[in-house]
Amino acid sequence: MLATGRYPALARAVHDGTHVDAEESFTTGLDWVLDAVAARLG
């Protein structure tokens, strides 16, 4: 998709963006989901 040149802003964000640690990203997302479930139950 990026190689087509149809999405220059996305390509720039992907290439110039900061590296995100996969484990940290997963943990953060899991925390958000668990917080939402806890709020719904409470």
N, C-alpha and C. Protein backbone atom coordinates (compact mmCIF):
# COMPACT_ATOMS: atom_id res chain seq x y z
N MET A 1 0.82 -1.18 0.00
CA MET A 1 0.00 0.00 0.00
C MET A 1 0.87 1.25 0.00
N LEU A 2 1.93 1.25 0.78
CA LEU A 2 2.79 2.43 0.84
C LEU A 2 3.57 2.61 -0.45
N ALA A 3 3.92 1.52 -1.09
CA ALA A 3 4.72 1.59 -2.31
C ALA A 3 3.95 2.19 -3.49
N THR A 4 2.63 2.23 -3.41
CA THR A 4 1.83 2.77 -4.52
C THR A 4 1.99 4.28 -4.65
N GLY A 5 2.36 4.94 -3.57
CA GLY A 5 2.48 6.39 -3.60
C GLY A 5 1.15 7.12 -3.43
N ARG A 6 0.08 6.37 -3.27
CA ARG A 6 -1.25 6.97 -3.14
C ARG A 6 -1.50 7.57 -1.76
N TYR A 7 -0.68 7.21 -0.79
CA TYR A 7 -0.89 7.65 0.60
C TYR A 7 0.40 8.26 1.15
N PRO A 8 0.81 9.41 0.64
CA PRO A 8 2.09 9.98 1.05
C PRO A 8 2.14 10.36 2.53
N ALA A 9 1.04 10.83 3.08
CA ALA A 9 1.05 11.20 4.50
C ALA A 9 1.23 9.96 5.38
N LEU A 10 0.56 8.88 5.03
CA LEU A 10 0.71 7.63 5.78
C LEU A 10 2.13 7.09 5.65
N ALA A 11 2.67 7.13 4.44
CA ALA A 11 4.03 6.65 4.23
C ALA A 11 5.02 7.45 5.05
N ARG A 12 4.85 8.75 5.09
CA ARG A 12 5.73 9.62 5.87
C ARG A 12 5.62 9.30 7.35
N ALA A 13 4.40 9.08 7.84
CA ALA A 13 4.20 8.76 9.26
C ALA A 13 4.85 7.43 9.62
N VAL A 14 4.73 6.46 8.73
CA VAL A 14 5.31 5.14 8.99
C VAL A 14 6.83 5.22 8.99
N HIS A 15 7.39 5.91 8.02
CA HIS A 15 8.85 5.96 7.90
C HIS A 15 9.50 6.90 8.90
N ASP A 16 8.82 7.99 9.26
CA ASP A 16 9.41 8.99 10.15
C ASP A 16 8.95 8.86 11.60
N GLY A 17 7.97 8.02 11.83
CA GLY A 17 7.41 7.88 13.18
C GLY A 17 8.39 7.24 14.14
N THR A 18 8.06 7.35 15.40
CA THR A 18 8.92 6.75 16.43
C THR A 18 8.66 5.26 16.51
N HIS A 19 9.68 4.54 16.91
CA HIS A 19 9.56 3.10 17.07
C HIS A 19 8.79 2.81 18.37
N VAL A 20 7.81 1.94 18.28
CA VAL A 20 7.01 1.57 19.45
C VAL A 20 7.36 0.14 19.83
N ASP A 21 7.70 -0.05 21.08
CA ASP A 21 8.01 -1.38 21.59
C ASP A 21 6.73 -2.22 21.60
N ALA A 22 6.75 -3.38 20.99
CA ALA A 22 5.55 -4.22 20.86
C ALA A 22 5.01 -4.64 22.22
N GLU A 23 5.88 -5.01 23.13
CA GLU A 23 5.43 -5.45 24.45
C GLU A 23 4.77 -4.30 25.22
N GLU A 24 5.38 -3.13 25.16
CA GLU A 24 4.82 -1.96 25.83
C GLU A 24 3.47 -1.57 25.22
N SER A 25 3.38 -1.64 23.91
CA SER A 25 2.13 -1.32 23.22
C SER A 25 1.03 -2.31 23.61
N PHE A 26 1.36 -3.59 23.65
CA PHE A 26 0.39 -4.60 24.04
C PHE A 26 -0.07 -4.38 25.48
N THR A 27 0.87 -4.13 26.37
CA THR A 27 0.53 -3.93 27.78
C THR A 27 -0.38 -2.72 27.96
N THR A 28 -0.08 -1.64 27.26
CA THR A 28 -0.90 -0.44 27.34
C THR A 28 -2.31 -0.73 26.83
N GLY A 29 -2.41 -1.38 25.69
CA GLY A 29 -3.73 -1.72 25.13
C GLY A 29 -4.51 -2.64 26.04
N LEU A 30 -3.85 -3.62 26.62
CA LEU A 30 -4.51 -4.53 27.55
C LEU A 30 -5.01 -3.79 28.78
N ASP A 31 -4.21 -2.88 29.30
CA ASP A 31 -4.64 -2.06 30.44
C ASP A 31 -5.91 -1.28 30.11
N TRP A 32 -5.96 -0.70 28.91
CA TRP A 32 -7.14 0.06 28.49
C TRP A 32 -8.37 -0.84 28.44
N VAL A 33 -8.22 -2.02 27.87
CA VAL A 33 -9.36 -2.94 27.76
C VAL A 33 -9.82 -3.38 29.14
N LEU A 34 -8.89 -3.74 30.00
CA LEU A 34 -9.26 -4.18 31.34
C LEU A 34 -9.89 -3.06 32.16
N ASP A 35 -9.40 -1.84 32.01
CA ASP A 35 -10.01 -0.69 32.69
C ASP A 35 -11.45 -0.49 32.22
N ALA A 36 -11.68 -0.63 30.91
CA ALA A 36 -13.03 -0.46 30.36
C ALA A 36 -13.97 -1.56 30.89
N VAL A 37 -13.49 -2.79 30.95
CA VAL A 37 -14.31 -3.89 31.47
C VAL A 37 -14.62 -3.64 32.94
N ALA A 38 -13.62 -3.24 33.70
CA ALA A 38 -13.83 -2.99 35.14
C ALA A 38 -14.83 -1.85 35.35
N ALA A 39 -14.75 -0.81 34.54
CA ALA A 39 -15.69 0.31 34.66
C ALA A 39 -17.11 -0.14 34.34
N ARG A 40 -17.23 -1.02 33.36
CA ARG A 40 -18.56 -1.50 32.95
C ARG A 40 -19.17 -2.40 34.03
N LEU A 41 -18.32 -3.18 34.71
CA LEU A 41 -18.80 -4.08 35.75
C LEU A 41 -19.13 -3.35 37.04
N GLY A 42 -18.45 -2.24 37.26
CA GLY A 42 -18.58 -1.52 38.53
C GLY A 42 -19.68 -0.59 38.58
